[in-house]
Amino acid sequence: MKKGKWKSWIAAGVLLTSLTACSTSGSGGTNEGASDYPKKAITVVAPSGAGGGWDLTARALTKVLGESKLVDQTMTVENKPGGGGAVYLAEFATQHKKDDYKLYVNSPPILINHLKKEGNSPYGYQDTTPLAQLTKDFGAIVVKADSKYNNLKELMEAVKKDPKSVTAAGGSAPGSMDHLVAVLPAFKSDIDPKSVKYVSYDGGGEAIAALLGGNADYIATDASAVGEYLKAGKVKVLGISSTERLKGDLADIPTFKEEGIDAEFTIWRGVFGPKEMSDSAKSYWDKTLKKLNESKEWQAELERNGWESEFKNGKEFETFLKDQEKQVNDLLKSLGMNK
């Protein structure tokens, strides 16, 4: 071969090598966001102790993703309790904002903690990448079985007439989720939410015990938590904050709207990635979580835990969060508890 042709071949080889190097150098940054994501173990953080709703959701998620082979890499759950999820969110937003291998489970407190005045968190869902909503639940207004209140309208009339004579209770601190559900019907009935007498207990179980013990006239809690008490004849459920009637044990319970109160509130659980998650990781989880939701294994897990399925992908989830954030802020403002 002539010397000129050798030079041409060598030049072409150098060019091809350079182009290959450029194409395989990845997306840059520290996200490890190459197209072969995931390349190592993934941690899903539940910002609570073991046994709570966030922990159960994280464990169900990792279990099904692993057993169904939707994710080949090892997935572990890490518990990081504190501040109703706010403590770990601060760490997630600052120390792991480029870590594609850290996911985070949360629910409405990610909005509430960011918006309320006391115990305010400087971080919110905007400091994450919303990946998907996985489940839904709703608020329930519950009274003791022998209560004189038979519907939500009667209860609200009593609150309006003499707020101090009616005690509401819930399993979360003032300004937190149960409190907001407790005052939502009042807020929509032209009753000053600040006038509602609310007593907080450490968890929904203690709130129900207070109701059954006669220490509260009504409680606000998760709809999924009251079925067994309803079947046992211990309570009456006056209304559910859903858009339509639920199935199962609560099929006969009217929605707030059916009771003439134009209000709804979804208690969701979802999964988030870091703020600066790579495009390849976002794409991977968008596809993988959609497959999870469609799998028989996940549907069986939802049924086993008594959870309602509600899947929203990243964009839909983010739009929903913006809408609910406004609702939460309006409620906190009505209580004088917004920042």
C-alpha atoms as a PDB file:
ATOM      1  CA  MET A   1       0.000   0.000   0.000  1.00  0.00           C
ATOM      2  CA  LYS A   2       1.262   3.450  -0.827  1.00  0.00           C
ATOM      3  CA  LYS A   3       2.471   5.739   1.991  1.00  0.00           C
ATOM      4  CA  GLY A   4      -0.363   8.270   1.284  1.00  0.00           C
ATOM      5  CA  LYS A   5      -3.048   5.674   1.781  1.00  0.00           C
ATOM      6  CA  TRP A   6      -1.462   4.569   5.096  1.00  0.00           C
ATOM      7  CA  LYS A   7      -1.631   8.160   6.312  1.00  0.00           C
ATOM      8  CA  SER A   8      -5.321   8.356   5.358  1.00  0.00           C
ATOM      9  CA  TRP A   9      -6.134   5.139   7.235  1.00  0.00           C
ATOM     10  CA  ILE A  10      -4.205   6.291  10.309  1.00  0.00           C
ATOM     11  CA  ALA A  11      -5.995   9.670  10.307  1.00  0.00           C
ATOM     12  CA  ALA A  12      -9.363   7.961   9.988  1.00  0.00           C
ATOM     13  CA  GLY A  13      -8.501   5.631  12.868  1.00  0.00           C
ATOM     14  CA  VAL A  14      -7.530   8.521  15.130  1.00  0.00           C
ATOM     15  CA  LEU A  15     -10.766  10.336  14.289  1.00  0.00           C
ATOM     16  CA  LEU A  16     -12.890   7.238  14.997  1.00  0.00           C
ATOM     17  CA  THR A  17     -11.120   6.699  18.328  1.00  0.00           C
ATOM     18  CA  SER A  18     -11.741  10.328  19.309  1.00  0.00           C
ATOM     19  CA  LEU A  19     -15.426  10.156  18.404  1.00  0.00           C
ATOM     20  CA  THR A  20     -15.847   6.894  20.337  1.00  0.00           C
ATOM     21  CA  ALA A  21     -14.201   8.428  23.396  1.00  0.00           C
ATOM     22  CA  CYS A  22     -16.524  11.420  23.232  1.00  0.00           C
ATOM     23  CA  SER A  23     -19.632   9.275  22.892  1.00  0.00           C
ATOM     24  CA  THR A  24     -18.730   7.045  25.847  1.00  0.00           C
ATOM     25  CA  SER A  25     -17.609   9.804  28.184  1.00  0.00           C
ATOM     26  CA  GLY A  26     -21.164   9.976  29.535  1.00  0.00           C
ATOM     27  CA  SER A  27     -23.320  12.808  30.679  1.00  0.00           C
ATOM     28  CA  GLY A  28     -20.619  14.446  32.770  1.00  0.00           C
ATOM     29  CA  GLY A  29     -20.890  15.666  36.360  1.00  0.00           C
ATOM     30  CA  THR A  30     -20.908  13.374  39.380  1.00  0.00           C
ATOM     31  CA  ASN A  31     -24.265  11.685  38.850  1.00  0.00           C
ATOM     32  CA  GLU A  32     -22.809   8.505  37.343  1.00  0.00           C
ATOM     33  CA  GLY A  33     -25.590   8.953  34.817  1.00  0.00           C
ATOM     34  CA  ALA A  34     -24.275   6.799  31.978  1.00  0.00           C
ATOM     35  CA  SER A  35     -26.713   4.806  29.900  1.00  0.00           C
ATOM     36  CA  ASP A  36     -25.958   1.601  31.830  1.00  0.00           C
ATOM     37  CA  TYR A  37     -27.619   2.980  34.976  1.00  0.00           C
ATOM     38  CA  PRO A  38     -28.000   1.463  37.514  1.00  0.00           C
ATOM     39  CA  LYS A  39     -24.477   0.127  38.027  1.00  0.00           C
ATOM     40  CA  LYS A  40     -24.503  -0.411  41.806  1.00  0.00           C
ATOM     41  CA  ALA A  41     -26.759  -0.839  44.842  1.00  0.00           C
ATOM     42  CA  ILE A  42     -29.616   1.622  45.371  1.00  0.00           C
ATOM     43  CA  THR A  43     -30.794   2.974  48.732  1.00  0.00           C
ATOM     44  CA  VAL A  44     -34.398   3.972  49.376  1.00  0.00           C
ATOM     45  CA  VAL A  45     -34.677   6.219  52.438  1.00  0.00           C
ATOM     46  CA  ALA A  46     -37.731   6.148  54.693  1.00  0.00           C
ATOM     47  CA  PRO A  47     -37.524   9.335  56.820  1.00  0.00           C
ATOM     48  CA  SER A  48     -39.093   7.569  59.831  1.00  0.00           C
ATOM     49  CA  GLY A  49     -38.562   4.665  62.165  1.00  0.00           C
ATOM     50  CA  ALA A  50     -39.435   1.095  61.283  1.00  0.00           C
ATOM     51  CA  GLY A  51     -43.094   0.150  60.930  1.00  0.00           C
ATOM     52  CA  GLY A  52     -44.567   3.493  59.866  1.00  0.00           C
ATOM     53  CA  GLY A  53     -46.251   4.253  56.562  1.00  0.00           C
ATOM     54  CA  TRP A  54     -43.094   5.583  54.895  1.00  0.00           C
ATOM     55  CA  ASP A  55     -41.087   2.573  56.046  1.00  0.00           C
ATOM     56  CA  LEU A  56     -43.723   0.091  54.846  1.00  0.00           C
ATOM     57  CA  THR A  57     -43.943   1.848  51.480  1.00  0.00           C
ATOM     58  CA  ALA A  58     -40.166   1.826  50.998  1.00  0.00           C
ATOM     59  CA  ARG A  59     -39.937  -1.863  51.914  1.00  0.00           C
ATOM     60  CA  ALA A  60     -42.842  -2.841  49.658  1.00  0.00           C
ATOM     61  CA  LEU A  61     -41.259  -0.883  46.802  1.00  0.00           C
ATOM     62  CA  THR A  62     -37.823  -2.489  47.126  1.00  0.00           C
ATOM     63  CA  LYS A  63     -39.278  -5.952  47.699  1.00  0.00           C
ATOM     64  CA  VAL A  64     -41.403  -5.974  44.549  1.00  0.00           C
ATOM     65  CA  LEU A  65     -38.782  -4.307  42.344  1.00  0.00           C
ATOM     66  CA  GLY A  66     -36.286  -6.958  43.396  1.00  0.00           C
ATOM     67  CA  GLU A  67     -38.511 -10.042  43.343  1.00  0.00           C
ATOM     68  CA  SER A  68     -40.025  -9.148  39.976  1.00  0.00           C
ATOM     69  CA  LYS A  69     -36.534  -8.531  38.526  1.00  0.00           C
ATOM     70  CA  LEU A  70     -37.486  -5.023  37.410  1.00  0.00           C
ATOM     71  CA  VAL A  71     -34.276  -3.869  39.089  1.00  0.00           C
ATOM     72  CA  ASP A  72     -31.220  -6.133  38.940  1.00  0.00           C
ATOM     73  CA  GLN A  73     -29.146  -4.230  41.475  1.00  0.00           C
ATOM     74  CA  THR A  74     -29.484  -4.684  45.240  1.00  0.00           C
ATOM     75  CA  MET A  75     -31.981  -2.313  46.854  1.00  0.00           C
ATOM     76  CA  THR A  76     -31.911  -1.534  50.572  1.00  0.00           C
ATOM     77  CA  VAL A  77     -34.092   0.556  52.864  1.00  0.00           C
ATOM     78  CA  GLU A  78     -32.506   3.032  55.262  1.00  0.00           C
ATOM     79  CA  ASN A  79     -34.478   4.589  58.120  1.00  0.00           C
ATOM     80  CA  LYS A  80     -33.686   8.244  58.852  1.00  0.00           C
ATOM     81  CA  PRO A  81     -36.283   9.536  61.356  1.00  0.00           C
ATOM     82  CA  GLY A  82     -36.624  13.092  62.590  1.00  0.00           C
ATOM     83  CA  GLY A  83     -38.820  16.153  62.236  1.00  0.00           C
ATOM     84  CA  GLY A  84     -41.613  14.397  60.372  1.00  0.00           C
ATOM     85  CA  GLY A  85     -39.289  13.792  57.432  1.00  0.00           C
ATOM     86  CA  ALA A  86     -37.730  17.272  57.486  1.00  0.00           C
ATOM     87  CA  VAL A  87     -34.397  16.246  59.009  1.00  0.00           C
ATOM     88  CA  TYR A  88     -33.450  13.826  56.251  1.00  0.00           C
ATOM     89  CA  LEU A  89     -34.875  16.047  53.517  1.00  0.00           C
ATOM     90  CA  ALA A  90     -32.303  18.690  54.475  1.00  0.00           C
ATOM     91  CA  GLU A  91     -29.547  16.104  54.091  1.00  0.00           C
ATOM     92  CA  PHE A  92     -31.014  14.774  50.842  1.00  0.00           C
ATOM     93  CA  ALA A  93     -31.290  18.261  49.344  1.00  0.00           C
ATOM     94  CA  THR A  94     -27.770  19.344  50.252  1.00  0.00           C
ATOM     95  CA  GLN A  95     -25.533  16.274  50.498  1.00  0.00           C
ATOM     96  CA  HIS A  96     -27.093  13.942  47.931  1.00  0.00           C
ATOM     97  CA  LYS A  97     -28.442  16.295  45.290  1.00  0.00           C
ATOM     98  CA  LYS A  98     -26.441  14.566  42.532  1.00  0.00           C
ATOM     99  CA  ASP A  99     -26.608  11.007  43.876  1.00  0.00           C
ATOM    100  CA  ASP A 100     -28.639   8.892  41.435  1.00  0.00           C
ATOM    101  CA  TYR A 101     -28.441   5.985  43.864  1.00  0.00           C
ATOM    102  CA  LYS A 102     -30.458   7.596  46.669  1.00  0.00           C
ATOM    103  CA  LEU A 103     -34.261   7.637  46.486  1.00  0.00           C
ATOM    104  CA  TYR A 104     -36.621   9.087  49.080  1.00  0.00           C
ATOM    105  CA  VAL A 105     -40.185   8.220  50.114  1.00  0.00           C
ATOM    106  CA  ASN A 106     -42.551  10.894  51.429  1.00  0.00           C
ATOM    107  CA  SER A 107     -46.166  12.126  51.533  1.00  0.00           C
ATOM    108  CA  PRO A 108     -48.004  15.441  52.251  1.00  0.00           C
ATOM    109  CA  PRO A 109     -45.641  16.396  55.135  1.00  0.00           C
ATOM    110  CA  ILE A 110     -43.038  17.308  52.502  1.00  0.00           C
ATOM    111  CA  LEU A 111     -45.421  20.163  51.623  1.00  0.00           C
ATOM    112  CA  ILE A 112     -46.668  20.926  55.122  1.00  0.00           C
ATOM    113  CA  ASN A 113     -43.236  21.136  56.777  1.00  0.00           C
ATOM    114  CA  HIS A 114     -42.056  23.560  54.108  1.00  0.00           C
ATOM    115  CA  LEU A 115     -45.070  25.864  54.421  1.00  0.00           C
ATOM    116  CA  LYS A 116     -45.890  26.059  58.121  1.00  0.00           C
ATOM    117  CA  LYS A 117     -44.493  28.709  60.422  1.00  0.00           C
ATOM    118  CA  GLU A 118     -43.424  26.589  63.410  1.00  0.00           C
ATOM    119  CA  GLY A 119     -40.761  23.984  62.698  1.00  0.00           C
ATOM    120  CA  ASN A 120     -40.521  25.268  59.156  1.00  0.00           C
ATOM    121  CA  SER A 121     -38.218  23.386  56.795  1.00  0.00           C
ATOM    122  CA  PRO A 122     -36.342  25.474  54.204  1.00  0.00           C
ATOM    123  CA  TYR A 123     -36.611  22.522  51.825  1.00  0.00           C
ATOM    124  CA  GLY A 124     -39.605  21.190  49.908  1.00  0.00           C
ATOM    125  CA  TYR A 125     -40.438  18.964  46.964  1.00  0.00           C
ATOM    126  CA  GLN A 126     -38.798  21.599  44.717  1.00  0.00           C
ATOM    127  CA  ASP A 127     -35.465  20.430  46.149  1.00  0.00           C
ATOM    128  CA  THR A 128     -36.039  16.924  44.785  1.00  0.00           C
ATOM    129  CA  THR A 129     -36.992  15.256  41.518  1.00  0.00           C
ATOM    130  CA  PRO A 130     -40.545  13.855  41.886  1.00  0.00           C
ATOM    131  CA  LEU A 131     -40.484  10.404  40.250  1.00  0.00           C
ATOM    132  CA  ALA A 132     -43.941   8.946  40.893  1.00  0.00           C
ATOM    133  CA  GLN A 133     -46.971   8.893  43.134  1.00  0.00           C
ATOM    134  CA  LEU A 134     -47.576   5.275  44.145  1.00  0.00           C
ATOM    135  CA  THR A 135     -50.578   5.170  46.480  1.00  0.00           C
ATOM    136  CA  LYS A 136     -53.478   7.227  47.726  1.00  0.00           C
ATOM    137  CA  ASP A 137     -55.499   7.403  50.901  1.00  0.00           C
ATOM    138  CA  PHE A 138     -57.979   9.958  52.170  1.00  0.00           C
ATOM    139  CA  GLY A 139     -58.903  11.756  55.346  1.00  0.00           C
ATOM    140  CA  ALA A 140     -61.842  10.541  57.413  1.00  0.00           C
ATOM    141  CA  ILE A 141     -63.940  12.341  60.025  1.00  0.00           C
ATOM    142  CA  VAL A 142     -64.833   9.763  62.658  1.00  0.00           C
ATOM    143  CA  VAL A 143     -67.043   9.786  65.765  1.00  0.00           C
ATOM    144  CA  LYS A 144     -67.796   7.187  68.412  1.00  0.00           C
ATOM    145  CA  ALA A 145     -70.598   4.743  67.555  1.00  0.00           C
ATOM    146  CA  ASP A 146     -72.969   6.246  70.138  1.00  0.00           C
ATOM    147  CA  SER A 147     -72.205   9.851  69.161  1.00  0.00           C
ATOM    148  CA  LYS A 148     -75.146  12.221  68.764  1.00  0.00           C
ATOM    149  CA  TYR A 149     -73.657  13.335  65.430  1.00  0.00           C
ATOM    150  CA  ASN A 150     -74.911  11.281  62.499  1.00  0.00           C
ATOM    151  CA  ASN A 151     -73.551  13.294  59.602  1.00  0.00           C
ATOM    152  CA  LEU A 152     -70.931  15.908  58.846  1.00  0.00           C
ATOM    153  CA  LYS A 153     -73.462  18.728  58.570  1.00  0.00           C
ATOM    154  CA  GLU A 154     -74.697  18.170  62.128  1.00  0.00           C
ATOM    155  CA  LEU A 155     -71.118  18.144  63.410  1.00  0.00           C
ATOM    156  CA  MET A 156     -70.206  21.367  61.616  1.00  0.00           C
ATOM    157  CA  GLU A 157     -73.364  23.094  62.891  1.00  0.00           C
ATOM    158  CA  ALA A 158     -72.327  22.196  66.454  1.00  0.00           C
ATOM    159  CA  VAL A 159     -68.799  23.527  65.874  1.00  0.00           C
ATOM    160  CA  LYS A 160     -70.196  26.739  64.416  1.00  0.00           C
ATOM    161  CA  LYS A 161     -72.632  27.238  67.294  1.00  0.00           C
ATOM    162  CA  ASP A 162     -70.153  26.617  70.121  1.00  0.00           C
ATOM    163  CA  PRO A 163     -66.603  25.706  69.025  1.00  0.00           C
ATOM    164  CA  LYS A 164     -65.348  25.187  72.565  1.00  0.00           C
ATOM    165  CA  SER A 165     -67.944  22.497  73.211  1.00  0.00           C
ATOM    166  CA  VAL A 166     -66.636  20.209  70.458  1.00  0.00           C
ATOM    167  CA  THR A 167     -63.181  18.632  70.677  1.00  0.00           C
ATOM    168  CA  ALA A 168     -61.382  17.396  67.586  1.00  0.00           C
ATOM    169  CA  ALA A 169     -58.335  15.155  67.803  1.00  0.00           C
ATOM    170  CA  GLY A 170     -55.723  13.651  65.530  1.00  0.00           C
ATOM    171  CA  GLY A 171     -52.483  11.717  65.538  1.00  0.00           C
ATOM    172  CA  SER A 172     -50.270  14.571  64.397  1.00  0.00           C
ATOM    173  CA  ALA A 173     -49.077  17.904  65.740  1.00  0.00           C
ATOM    174  CA  PRO A 174     -50.972  21.175  65.258  1.00  0.00           C
ATOM    175  CA  GLY A 175     -50.546  22.327  61.680  1.00  0.00           C
ATOM    176  CA  SER A 176     -49.786  18.802  60.474  1.00  0.00           C
ATOM    177  CA  MET A 177     -51.840  16.446  58.355  1.00  0.00           C
ATOM    178  CA  ASP A 178     -54.576  15.250  60.733  1.00  0.00           C
ATOM    179  CA  HIS A 179     -55.110  18.806  61.954  1.00  0.00           C
ATOM    180  CA  LEU A 180     -55.564  20.043  58.382  1.00  0.00           C
ATOM    181  CA  VAL A 181     -58.068  17.259  57.633  1.00  0.00           C
ATOM    182  CA  ALA A 182     -59.916  18.067  60.885  1.00  0.00           C
ATOM    183  CA  VAL A 183     -60.382  21.742  59.974  1.00  0.00           C
ATOM    184  CA  LEU A 184     -60.961  21.282  56.236  1.00  0.00           C
ATOM    185  CA  PRO A 185     -64.764  20.802  56.573  1.00  0.00           C
ATOM    186  CA  ALA A 186     -64.928  23.841  58.869  1.00  0.00           C
ATOM    187  CA  PHE A 187     -62.861  25.941  56.468  1.00  0.00           C
ATOM    188  CA  LYS A 188     -65.251  25.047  53.642  1.00  0.00           C
ATOM    189  CA  SER A 189     -68.302  25.704  55.869  1.00  0.00           C
ATOM    190  CA  ASP A 190     -67.359  29.326  56.600  1.00  0.00           C
ATOM    191  CA  ILE A 191     -66.215  28.455  60.117  1.00  0.00           C
ATOM    192  CA  ASP A 192     -62.996  30.042  61.338  1.00  0.00           C
ATOM    193  CA  PRO A 193     -60.541  27.096  61.494  1.00  0.00           C
ATOM    194  CA  LYS A 194     -58.733  28.800  64.377  1.00  0.00           C
ATOM    195  CA  SER A 195     -61.877  28.319  66.462  1.00  0.00           C
ATOM    196  CA  VAL A 196     -61.768  24.516  66.080  1.00  0.00           C
ATOM    197  CA  LYS A 197     -60.573  22.950  69.326  1.00  0.00           C
ATOM    198  CA  TYR A 198     -57.883  20.475  68.237  1.00  0.00           C
ATOM    199  CA  VAL A 199     -55.936  18.126  70.516  1.00  0.00           C
ATOM    200  CA  SER A 200     -52.910  16.305  69.108  1.00  0.00           C
ATOM    201  CA  TYR A 201     -51.877  12.768  70.025  1.00  0.00           C
ATOM    202  CA  ASP A 202     -48.793  10.750  69.223  1.00  0.00           C
ATOM    203  CA  GLY A 203     -50.125   8.745  66.291  1.00  0.00           C
ATOM    204  CA  GLY A 204     -53.477   7.660  64.932  1.00  0.00           C
ATOM    205  CA  GLY A 205     -53.790   4.759  67.400  1.00  0.00           C
ATOM    206  CA  GLU A 206     -53.695   7.121  70.391  1.00  0.00           C
ATOM    207  CA  ALA A 207     -56.195   9.445  68.713  1.00  0.00           C
ATOM    208  CA  ILE A 208     -58.671   6.596  68.203  1.00  0.00           C
ATOM    209  CA  ALA A 209     -58.144   5.512  71.819  1.00  0.00           C
ATOM    210  CA  ALA A 210     -58.955   9.081  72.914  1.00  0.00           C
ATOM    211  CA  LEU A 211     -62.145   9.010  70.842  1.00  0.00           C
ATOM    212  CA  LEU A 212     -63.272   5.641  72.211  1.00  0.00           C
ATOM    213  CA  GLY A 213     -62.388   6.795  75.735  1.00  0.00           C
ATOM    214  CA  GLY A 214     -64.627   9.847  75.437  1.00  0.00           C
ATOM    215  CA  ASN A 215     -61.793  12.375  75.353  1.00  0.00           C
ATOM    216  CA  ALA A 216     -62.648  13.676  71.873  1.00  0.00           C
ATOM    217  CA  ASP A 217     -65.917  14.278  70.016  1.00  0.00           C
ATOM    218  CA  TYR A 218     -64.398  13.478  66.643  1.00  0.00           C
ATOM    219  CA  ILE A 219     -61.072  12.621  65.105  1.00  0.00           C
ATOM    220  CA  ALA A 220     -59.453  13.153  61.736  1.00  0.00           C
ATOM    221  CA  THR A 221     -57.435  10.187  60.530  1.00  0.00           C
ATOM    222  CA  ASP A 222     -56.553   8.105  57.476  1.00  0.00           C
ATOM    223  CA  ALA A 223     -59.560   6.374  55.940  1.00  0.00           C
ATOM    224  CA  SER A 224     -57.556   3.151  55.645  1.00  0.00           C
ATOM    225  CA  ALA A 225     -57.109   3.078  59.436  1.00  0.00           C
ATOM    226  CA  VAL A 226     -60.769   2.940  60.469  1.00  0.00           C
ATOM    227  CA  GLY A 227     -62.178  -0.128  58.691  1.00  0.00           C
ATOM    228  CA  GLU A 228     -61.657  -2.565  61.558  1.00  0.00           C
ATOM    229  CA  TYR A 229     -63.260  -0.181  64.099  1.00  0.00           C
ATOM    230  CA  LEU A 230     -66.200   0.390  61.780  1.00  0.00           C
ATOM    231  CA  LYS A 231     -66.753  -3.358  61.286  1.00  0.00           C
ATOM    232  CA  ALA A 232     -66.546  -3.882  65.051  1.00  0.00           C
ATOM    233  CA  GLY A 233     -69.300  -1.299  65.568  1.00  0.00           C
ATOM    234  CA  LYS A 234     -67.084   1.004  67.621  1.00  0.00           C
ATOM    235  CA  VAL A 235     -67.215   4.092  65.393  1.00  0.00           C
ATOM    236  CA  LYS A 236     -69.239   5.959  62.784  1.00  0.00           C
ATOM    237  CA  VAL A 237     -67.467   7.547  59.829  1.00  0.00           C
ATOM    238  CA  LEU A 238     -69.205  10.796  58.904  1.00  0.00           C
ATOM    239  CA  GLY A 239     -67.310  11.607  55.737  1.00  0.00           C
ATOM    240  CA  ILE A 240     -64.329  10.850  53.525  1.00  0.00           C
ATOM    241  CA  SER A 241     -62.202  13.464  51.731  1.00  0.00           C
ATOM    242  CA  SER A 242     -62.227  11.487  48.448  1.00  0.00           C
ATOM    243  CA  THR A 243     -63.636  12.519  45.086  1.00  0.00           C
ATOM    244  CA  GLU A 244     -65.926   9.478  44.981  1.00  0.00           C
ATOM    245  CA  ARG A 245     -67.031   6.741  47.346  1.00  0.00           C
ATOM    246  CA  LEU A 246     -64.479   4.132  48.305  1.00  0.00           C
ATOM    247  CA  LYS A 247     -64.853   0.373  48.079  1.00  0.00           C
ATOM    248  CA  GLY A 248     -64.813  -2.314  50.716  1.00  0.00           C
ATOM    249  CA  ASP A 249     -65.637  -1.496  54.340  1.00  0.00           C
ATOM    250  CA  LEU A 250     -66.166   2.208  53.563  1.00  0.00           C
ATOM    251  CA  ALA A 251     -68.414   1.758  50.516  1.00  0.00           C
ATOM    252  CA  ASP A 252     -71.439   3.234  52.315  1.00  0.00           C
ATOM    253  CA  ILE A 253     -69.610   6.308  53.660  1.00  0.00           C
ATOM    254  CA  PRO A 254     -70.397   9.587  51.846  1.00  0.00           C
ATOM    255  CA  THR A 255     -67.727  11.943  50.570  1.00  0.00           C
ATOM    256  CA  PHE A 256     -67.410  15.463  51.924  1.00  0.00           C
ATOM    257  CA  LYS A 257     -68.967  16.699  48.689  1.00  0.00           C
ATOM    258  CA  GLU A 258     -71.983  14.439  49.117  1.00  0.00           C
ATOM    259  CA  GLU A 259     -72.405  16.049  52.532  1.00  0.00           C
ATOM    260  CA  GLY A 260     -72.524  19.482  50.896  1.00  0.00           C
ATOM    261  CA  ILE A 261     -68.924  20.408  51.711  1.00  0.00           C
ATOM    262  CA  ASP A 262     -66.953  21.240  48.584  1.00  0.00           C
ATOM    263  CA  ALA A 263     -63.629  19.782  49.688  1.00  0.00           C
ATOM    264  CA  GLU A 264     -61.307  16.890  49.005  1.00  0.00           C
ATOM    265  CA  PHE A 265     -57.851  15.919  50.208  1.00  0.00           C
ATOM    266  CA  THR A 266     -55.599  13.099  49.026  1.00  0.00           C
ATOM    267  CA  ILE A 267     -53.110  11.509  51.394  1.00  0.00           C
ATOM    268  CA  TRP A 268     -50.571  10.141  48.942  1.00  0.00           C
ATOM    269  CA  ARG A 269     -47.228   8.400  49.133  1.00  0.00           C
ATOM    270  CA  GLY A 270     -44.601   8.816  46.466  1.00  0.00           C
ATOM    271  CA  VAL A 271     -40.963   8.395  45.595  1.00  0.00           C
ATOM    272  CA  PHE A 272     -38.435  11.133  44.852  1.00  0.00           C
ATOM    273  CA  GLY A 273     -34.965  11.341  43.381  1.00  0.00           C
ATOM    274  CA  PRO A 274     -32.291  13.972  44.050  1.00  0.00           C
ATOM    275  CA  LYS A 275     -32.666  17.480  42.699  1.00  0.00           C
ATOM    276  CA  GLU A 276     -29.943  17.120  40.063  1.00  0.00           C
ATOM    277  CA  MET A 277     -30.691  13.543  39.030  1.00  0.00           C
ATOM    278  CA  SER A 278     -29.223  12.611  35.657  1.00  0.00           C
ATOM    279  CA  ASP A 279     -31.499  12.362  32.628  1.00  0.00           C
ATOM    280  CA  SER A 280     -30.648   8.693  32.178  1.00  0.00           C
ATOM    281  CA  ALA A 281     -31.618   7.868  35.786  1.00  0.00           C
ATOM    282  CA  LYS A 282     -34.871   9.846  35.473  1.00  0.00           C
ATOM    283  CA  SER A 283     -35.717   8.012  32.266  1.00  0.00           C
ATOM    284  CA  TYR A 284     -34.899   4.669  33.891  1.00  0.00           C
ATOM    285  CA  TRP A 285     -37.173   5.280  36.875  1.00  0.00           C
ATOM    286  CA  ASP A 286     -39.964   6.683  34.713  1.00  0.00           C
ATOM    287  CA  LYS A 287     -40.086   3.403  32.786  1.00  0.00           C
ATOM    288  CA  THR A 288     -39.378   1.115  35.746  1.00  0.00           C
ATOM    289  CA  LEU A 289     -41.958   2.596  38.116  1.00  0.00           C
ATOM    290  CA  LYS A 290     -44.595   2.460  35.372  1.00  0.00           C
ATOM    291  CA  LYS A 291     -43.833  -1.249  34.927  1.00  0.00           C
ATOM    292  CA  LEU A 292     -43.992  -1.680  38.710  1.00  0.00           C
ATOM    293  CA  ASN A 293     -47.458  -0.141  38.850  1.00  0.00           C
ATOM    294  CA  GLU A 294     -48.671  -2.437  36.065  1.00  0.00           C
ATOM    295  CA  SER A 295     -47.270  -5.598  37.669  1.00  0.00           C
ATOM    296  CA  LYS A 296     -49.427  -8.198  39.394  1.00  0.00           C
ATOM    297  CA  GLU A 297     -46.886  -8.362  42.204  1.00  0.00           C
ATOM    298  CA  TRP A 298     -47.325  -4.677  43.058  1.00  0.00           C
ATOM    299  CA  GLN A 299     -51.106  -4.857  42.896  1.00  0.00           C
ATOM    300  CA  ALA A 300     -50.988  -7.826  45.282  1.00  0.00           C
ATOM    301  CA  GLU A 301     -48.733  -5.854  47.621  1.00  0.00           C
ATOM    302  CA  LEU A 302     -51.157  -2.922  47.591  1.00  0.00           C
ATOM    303  CA  GLU A 303     -54.040  -5.225  48.463  1.00  0.00           C
ATOM    304  CA  ARG A 304     -52.051  -6.920  51.209  1.00  0.00           C
ATOM    305  CA  ASN A 305     -51.350  -3.554  52.858  1.00  0.00           C
ATOM    306  CA  GLY A 306     -54.832  -2.145  52.267  1.00  0.00           C
ATOM    307  CA  TRP A 307     -53.499   0.648  50.040  1.00  0.00           C
ATOM    308  CA  GLU A 308     -55.347   2.279  47.156  1.00  0.00           C
ATOM    309  CA  SER A 309     -53.429   2.353  43.886  1.00  0.00           C
ATOM    310  CA  GLU A 310     -52.806   5.768  42.330  1.00  0.00           C
ATOM    311  CA  PHE A 311     -49.960   6.144  39.866  1.00  0.00           C
ATOM    312  CA  LYS A 312     -48.742   9.445  38.514  1.00  0.00           C
ATOM    313  CA  ASN A 313     -45.493   9.718  36.595  1.00  0.00           C
ATOM    314  CA  GLY A 314     -42.940  12.433  37.305  1.00  0.00           C
ATOM    315  CA  LYS A 315     -44.569  15.267  35.350  1.00  0.00           C
ATOM    316  CA  GLU A 316     -48.116  14.420  36.492  1.00  0.00           C
ATOM    317  CA  PHE A 317     -46.911  14.041  40.065  1.00  0.00           C
ATOM    318  CA  GLU A 318     -45.176  17.422  40.026  1.00  0.00           C
ATOM    319  CA  THR A 319     -48.334  19.137  38.714  1.00  0.00           C
ATOM    320  CA  PHE A 320     -50.371  17.468  41.469  1.00  0.00           C
ATOM    321  CA  LEU A 321     -47.859  18.593  44.113  1.00  0.00           C
ATOM    322  CA  LYS A 322     -48.126  22.210  42.950  1.00  0.00           C
ATOM    323  CA  ASP A 323     -51.918  22.064  43.285  1.00  0.00           C
ATOM    324  CA  GLN A 324     -51.885  20.424  46.708  1.00  0.00           C
ATOM    325  CA  GLU A 325     -49.237  22.843  47.948  1.00  0.00           C
ATOM    326  CA  LYS A 326     -51.663  25.705  47.307  1.00  0.00           C
ATOM    327  CA  GLN A 327     -54.418  23.876  49.193  1.00  0.00           C
ATOM    328  CA  VAL A 328     -52.133  23.204  52.155  1.00  0.00           C
ATOM    329  CA  ASN A 329     -50.954  26.815  52.224  1.00  0.00           C
ATOM    330  CA  ASP A 330     -54.566  28.070  52.202  1.00  0.00           C
ATOM    331  CA  LEU A 331     -55.416  25.843  55.182  1.00  0.00           C
ATOM    332  CA  LEU A 332     -52.315  26.856  57.127  1.00  0.00           C
ATOM    333  CA  LYS A 333     -53.027  30.506  56.369  1.00  0.00           C
ATOM    334  CA  SER A 334     -56.579  30.118  57.703  1.00  0.00           C
ATOM    335  CA  LEU A 335     -55.052  28.767  60.922  1.00  0.00           C
ATOM    336  CA  GLY A 336     -52.491  31.570  61.091  1.00  0.00           C
ATOM    337  CA  MET A 337     -49.775  28.915  60.856  1.00  0.00           C
ATOM    338  CA  ASN A 338     -48.239  29.581  57.438  1.00  0.00           C
ATOM    339  CA  LYS A 339     -44.746  31.033  57.199  1.00  0.00           C
END
